[in-house]
Amino acid sequence: MLEAAIKRYQNNLLTTAEIIQELINIAKQIKEADKEGEKLGLTNDEVAFYNALEINDSAVNILGDETLRIIAKRNCR
């Protein structure tokens, strides 16, 4: 997200004010992701793995959040 925002700024697709707002939004998303990881009882590595699994909608629908959390915990040890 950060890299894409910076590229858009460098290509003059965003103003200075817009890139600052993008950075604020990215920081908020990171903070929310950290809170979600804490709520699930996952480390940073486990959250990253969980999020990678969660991107796949069929995995979420078939396995559910709890199973994805367990998979993330087991695979990041």
Protein backbone atom coordinates (compact mmCIF):
# COMPACT_ATOMS: atom_id res chain seq x y z
CA MET A 1 0.00 0.00 0.00
CA LEU A 2 2.76 2.38 0.96
CA GLU A 3 4.79 1.66 -2.13
CA ALA A 4 1.77 2.20 -4.39
CA ALA A 5 0.94 5.50 -2.71
CA ILE A 6 4.50 6.73 -3.05
CA LYS A 7 4.60 5.78 -6.73
CA ARG A 8 1.37 7.68 -7.35
CA TYR A 9 2.86 10.71 -5.60
CA GLN A 10 6.10 10.46 -7.56
CA ASN A 11 4.11 10.26 -10.79
CA ASN A 12 2.27 13.45 -9.80
CA LEU A 13 -1.02 11.60 -9.44
CA LEU A 14 -1.36 12.79 -5.83
CA THR A 15 -0.81 16.21 -4.31
CA THR A 16 1.21 16.65 -1.14
CA ALA A 17 -2.00 16.91 0.87
CA GLU A 18 -3.36 13.74 -0.77
CA ILE A 19 -0.20 11.71 -0.04
CA ILE A 20 -0.31 12.83 3.57
CA GLN A 21 -3.93 11.67 3.78
CA GLU A 22 -2.95 8.35 2.14
CA LEU A 23 -0.19 7.88 4.73
CA ILE A 24 -2.64 8.61 7.55
CA ASN A 25 -5.08 6.06 6.10
CA ILE A 26 -2.34 3.44 5.79
CA ALA A 27 -1.30 4.06 9.41
CA LYS A 28 -4.92 3.60 10.52
CA GLN A 29 -5.16 0.32 8.59
CA ILE A 30 -1.96 -0.94 10.19
CA LYS A 31 -3.25 -0.01 13.63
CA GLU A 32 -6.52 -1.85 12.98
CA ALA A 33 -4.60 -4.92 11.77
CA ASP A 34 -2.55 -4.87 14.98
CA LYS A 35 -5.73 -4.71 17.05
CA GLU A 36 -7.20 -7.63 15.10
CA GLY A 37 -4.06 -9.67 15.74
CA GLU A 38 -4.22 -8.91 19.46
CA LYS A 39 -7.90 -9.87 19.52
CA LEU A 40 -7.08 -13.20 17.86
CA GLY A 41 -4.08 -13.78 20.12
CA LEU A 42 -1.63 -13.88 17.20
CA THR A 43 1.96 -12.64 16.86
CA ASN A 44 2.91 -10.28 14.02
CA ASP A 45 4.13 -13.21 11.90
CA GLU A 46 0.95 -15.14 12.60
CA VAL A 47 -1.17 -12.11 11.66
CA ALA A 48 0.68 -11.81 8.35
CA PHE A 49 0.09 -15.50 7.61
CA TYR A 50 -3.56 -15.25 8.73
CA ASN A 51 -4.09 -12.24 6.46
CA ALA A 52 -2.55 -14.09 3.52
CA LEU A 53 -4.99 -16.94 4.09
CA GLU A 54 -7.89 -14.58 4.68
CA ILE A 55 -7.43 -12.92 1.27
CA ASN A 56 -8.74 -16.14 -0.26
CA ASP A 57 -12.51 -15.76 0.23
CA SER A 58 -13.15 -19.46 -0.33
CA ALA A 59 -10.70 -20.31 2.48
CA VAL A 60 -12.61 -18.04 4.84
CA ASN A 61 -15.98 -19.45 3.76
CA ILE A 62 -14.87 -23.07 4.01
CA LEU A 63 -12.57 -22.96 7.03
CA GLY A 64 -13.86 -20.02 9.05
CA ASP A 65 -11.89 -17.54 11.14
CA GLU A 66 -11.10 -19.88 14.03
CA THR A 67 -9.56 -22.56 11.79
CA LEU A 68 -7.52 -19.91 9.94
CA ARG A 69 -6.27 -18.63 13.31
CA ILE A 70 -5.19 -22.14 14.33
CA ILE A 71 -3.45 -22.70 10.97
CA ALA A 72 -1.61 -19.38 11.32
CA LYS A 73 -0.44 -20.23 14.85
CA ARG A 74 0.83 -23.68 13.81
CA ASN A 75 2.64 -22.50 10.68
CA CYS A 76 4.49 -19.58 12.24
CA ARG A 77 6.28 -21.46 15.01
